[in-house]
Amino acid sequence: MNGSEGKLGGSKFLEIDMFNEVYVRPGDELVEQLHSIMVEKGQTVFEEVASQLPLKTPIEEVFPLEDAAF
């Protein structure tokens, strides 16, 4: 994995992880940019879901809604 999602063991979005594995190659700026946009949007969705949960909810237990697809 590359980018910030690798630090968390995945982006929590199978679609983003799969796109990264299949399409992202060093030097392909367009694909890298698309992946960055997906990661950004995924993080926004993740933060929105997390904001609706109790404050003491461990981050490992926060998952996006199934209808939050890419």
N, C-alpha and C. Protein backbone atom coordinates (compact mmCIF):
# COMPACT_ATOMS: atom_id res chain seq x y z
N MET A 1 0.84 -1.18 0.00
CA MET A 1 0.00 0.00 0.00
C MET A 1 0.88 1.24 0.00
N ASN A 2 0.32 2.30 -0.52
CA ASN A 2 1.06 3.54 -0.42
C ASN A 2 0.15 4.60 0.18
N GLY A 3 0.72 5.72 0.56
CA GLY A 3 -0.10 6.78 1.12
C GLY A 3 -0.45 6.52 2.58
N SER A 4 -1.38 7.31 3.10
CA SER A 4 -1.71 7.25 4.52
C SER A 4 -2.50 6.01 4.90
N GLU A 5 -3.22 5.37 3.96
CA GLU A 5 -4.02 4.21 4.33
C GLU A 5 -3.18 3.04 4.79
N GLY A 6 -1.93 2.95 4.34
CA GLY A 6 -1.07 1.86 4.75
C GLY A 6 -0.77 1.89 6.25
N LYS A 7 -0.78 3.07 6.84
CA LYS A 7 -0.52 3.21 8.27
C LYS A 7 -1.62 2.59 9.10
N LEU A 8 -2.82 2.54 8.57
CA LEU A 8 -3.96 2.00 9.30
C LEU A 8 -4.27 0.58 8.88
N GLY A 9 -3.47 -0.01 7.99
CA GLY A 9 -3.71 -1.37 7.56
C GLY A 9 -4.79 -1.45 6.49
N GLY A 10 -5.06 -0.39 5.80
CA GLY A 10 -6.08 -0.38 4.76
C GLY A 10 -6.95 0.85 4.91
N SER A 11 -7.67 1.15 3.87
CA SER A 11 -8.47 2.36 3.89
C SER A 11 -9.86 2.16 4.47
N LYS A 12 -10.22 0.92 4.77
CA LYS A 12 -11.56 0.53 5.21
C LYS A 12 -12.56 0.56 4.06
N PHE A 13 -12.08 0.82 2.87
CA PHE A 13 -12.90 0.75 1.66
C PHE A 13 -12.24 -0.26 0.73
N LEU A 14 -12.86 -1.39 0.56
CA LEU A 14 -12.31 -2.44 -0.30
C LEU A 14 -12.06 -1.91 -1.70
N GLU A 15 -12.95 -1.04 -2.20
CA GLU A 15 -12.81 -0.51 -3.55
C GLU A 15 -11.52 0.30 -3.71
N ILE A 16 -11.19 1.09 -2.70
CA ILE A 16 -9.98 1.91 -2.76
C ILE A 16 -8.75 1.02 -2.71
N ASP A 17 -8.77 0.05 -1.81
CA ASP A 17 -7.63 -0.86 -1.69
C ASP A 17 -7.42 -1.65 -2.97
N MET A 18 -8.53 -2.11 -3.57
CA MET A 18 -8.44 -2.89 -4.81
C MET A 18 -7.91 -2.02 -5.95
N PHE A 19 -8.40 -0.78 -6.07
CA PHE A 19 -7.91 0.14 -7.09
C PHE A 19 -6.40 0.34 -6.94
N ASN A 20 -5.97 0.51 -5.70
CA ASN A 20 -4.55 0.71 -5.43
C ASN A 20 -3.74 -0.50 -5.89
N GLU A 21 -4.19 -1.69 -5.55
CA GLU A 21 -3.46 -2.91 -5.90
C GLU A 21 -3.42 -3.15 -7.41
N VAL A 22 -4.52 -2.85 -8.10
CA VAL A 22 -4.63 -3.19 -9.52
C VAL A 22 -4.05 -2.11 -10.44
N TYR A 23 -4.31 -0.84 -10.12
CA TYR A 23 -3.99 0.22 -11.09
C TYR A 23 -2.82 1.13 -10.74
N VAL A 24 -2.56 1.37 -9.47
CA VAL A 24 -1.55 2.37 -9.11
C VAL A 24 -0.15 1.80 -9.36
N ARG A 25 0.57 2.49 -10.22
CA ARG A 25 1.95 2.13 -10.55
C ARG A 25 2.82 3.39 -10.45
N PRO A 26 4.04 3.27 -9.98
CA PRO A 26 4.92 4.42 -9.87
C PRO A 26 5.05 5.14 -11.23
N GLY A 27 4.91 6.44 -11.19
CA GLY A 27 5.08 7.24 -12.40
C GLY A 27 3.81 7.49 -13.18
N ASP A 28 2.71 6.82 -12.85
CA ASP A 28 1.43 7.05 -13.54
C ASP A 28 0.68 8.12 -12.76
N GLU A 29 0.96 9.37 -13.10
CA GLU A 29 0.45 10.51 -12.34
C GLU A 29 -1.07 10.58 -12.32
N LEU A 30 -1.73 10.29 -13.43
CA LEU A 30 -3.19 10.36 -13.48
C LEU A 30 -3.82 9.36 -12.52
N VAL A 31 -3.36 8.13 -12.55
CA VAL A 31 -3.90 7.10 -11.67
C VAL A 31 -3.58 7.42 -10.21
N GLU A 32 -2.38 7.91 -9.95
CA GLU A 32 -2.01 8.29 -8.59
C GLU A 32 -2.91 9.42 -8.09
N GLN A 33 -3.24 10.36 -8.97
CA GLN A 33 -4.12 11.47 -8.61
C GLN A 33 -5.53 10.95 -8.32
N LEU A 34 -6.04 10.05 -9.16
CA LEU A 34 -7.36 9.47 -8.93
C LEU A 34 -7.40 8.72 -7.60
N HIS A 35 -6.34 7.97 -7.32
CA HIS A 35 -6.27 7.25 -6.05
C HIS A 35 -6.28 8.22 -4.87
N SER A 36 -5.53 9.30 -4.98
CA SER A 36 -5.49 10.30 -3.91
C SER A 36 -6.87 10.90 -3.65
N ILE A 37 -7.61 11.17 -4.74
CA ILE A 37 -8.97 11.71 -4.60
C ILE A 37 -9.86 10.69 -3.90
N MET A 38 -9.75 9.43 -4.27
CA MET A 38 -10.55 8.38 -3.62
C MET A 38 -10.23 8.29 -2.13
N VAL A 39 -8.94 8.32 -1.80
CA VAL A 39 -8.53 8.24 -0.40
C VAL A 39 -9.08 9.44 0.38
N GLU A 40 -9.01 10.63 -0.22
CA GLU A 40 -9.54 11.84 0.41
C GLU A 40 -11.03 11.72 0.67
N LYS A 41 -11.78 11.31 -0.35
CA LYS A 41 -13.23 11.15 -0.19
C LYS A 41 -13.55 10.06 0.82
N GLY A 42 -12.79 8.99 0.80
CA GLY A 42 -12.99 7.92 1.78
C GLY A 42 -12.76 8.42 3.19
N GLN A 43 -11.74 9.24 3.38
CA GLN A 43 -11.45 9.80 4.69
C GLN A 43 -12.58 10.71 5.15
N THR A 44 -13.15 11.48 4.23
CA THR A 44 -14.28 12.36 4.56
C THR A 44 -15.48 11.54 5.03
N VAL A 45 -15.79 10.47 4.30
CA VAL A 45 -16.90 9.59 4.68
C VAL A 45 -16.61 8.95 6.03
N PHE A 46 -15.39 8.48 6.22
CA PHE A 46 -14.99 7.84 7.47
C PHE A 46 -15.15 8.80 8.64
N GLU A 47 -14.70 10.05 8.48
CA GLU A 47 -14.82 11.05 9.54
C GLU A 47 -16.28 11.37 9.84
N GLU A 48 -17.11 11.41 8.80
CA GLU A 48 -18.53 11.68 9.01
C GLU A 48 -19.18 10.56 9.82
N VAL A 49 -18.86 9.32 9.48
CA VAL A 49 -19.41 8.17 10.22
C VAL A 49 -18.91 8.22 11.66
N ALA A 50 -17.63 8.47 11.84
CA ALA A 50 -17.04 8.51 13.19
C ALA A 50 -17.66 9.62 14.02
N SER A 51 -18.01 10.75 13.41
CA SER A 51 -18.57 11.87 14.15
C SER A 51 -19.96 11.56 14.70
N GLN A 52 -20.62 10.56 14.15
CA GLN A 52 -21.96 10.21 14.59
C GLN A 52 -21.97 9.13 15.66
N LEU A 53 -20.79 8.64 16.03
CA LEU A 53 -20.67 7.60 17.05
C LEU A 53 -20.24 8.21 18.38
N PRO A 54 -20.45 7.50 19.49
CA PRO A 54 -19.99 8.00 20.78
C PRO A 54 -18.48 8.27 20.76
N LEU A 55 -18.05 9.27 21.49
CA LEU A 55 -16.64 9.69 21.48
C LEU A 55 -15.68 8.58 21.89
N LYS A 56 -16.09 7.67 22.73
CA LYS A 56 -15.19 6.62 23.22
C LYS A 56 -15.13 5.40 22.32
N THR A 57 -15.75 5.47 21.13
CA THR A 57 -15.72 4.35 20.20
C THR A 57 -14.31 4.21 19.63
N PRO A 58 -13.68 3.04 19.79
CA PRO A 58 -12.32 2.85 19.22
C PRO A 58 -12.35 2.99 17.70
N ILE A 59 -11.34 3.60 17.15
CA ILE A 59 -11.27 3.85 15.70
C ILE A 59 -11.33 2.53 14.92
N GLU A 60 -10.85 1.44 15.52
CA GLU A 60 -10.89 0.15 14.84
C GLU A 60 -12.32 -0.36 14.64
N GLU A 61 -13.26 0.18 15.40
CA GLU A 61 -14.65 -0.25 15.30
C GLU A 61 -15.50 0.67 14.42
N VAL A 62 -14.87 1.62 13.77
CA VAL A 62 -15.59 2.55 12.89
C VAL A 62 -15.47 2.04 11.46
N PHE A 63 -16.61 1.77 10.85
CA PHE A 63 -16.66 1.30 9.46
C PHE A 63 -17.64 2.14 8.67
N PRO A 64 -17.33 2.43 7.41
CA PRO A 64 -18.27 3.20 6.58
C PRO A 64 -19.54 2.41 6.31
N LEU A 65 -20.61 3.13 6.05
CA LEU A 65 -21.86 2.49 5.68
C LEU A 65 -21.69 1.78 4.35
N GLU A 66 -22.44 0.71 4.14
CA GLU A 66 -22.30 -0.05 2.89
C GLU A 66 -22.71 0.76 1.67
N ASP A 67 -23.58 1.76 1.84
CA ASP A 67 -24.00 2.55 0.68
C ASP A 67 -23.02 3.67 0.36
N ALA A 68 -21.92 3.74 1.09
CA ALA A 68 -20.87 4.74 0.83
C ALA A 68 -19.87 4.14 -0.15
N ALA A 69 -20.33 3.80 -1.33
CA ALA A 69 -19.47 3.14 -2.31
C ALA A 69 -18.86 4.16 -3.27
N PHE A 70 -17.83 3.71 -3.95
CA PHE A 70 -17.16 4.56 -4.93
C PHE A 70 -17.58 4.12 -6.29
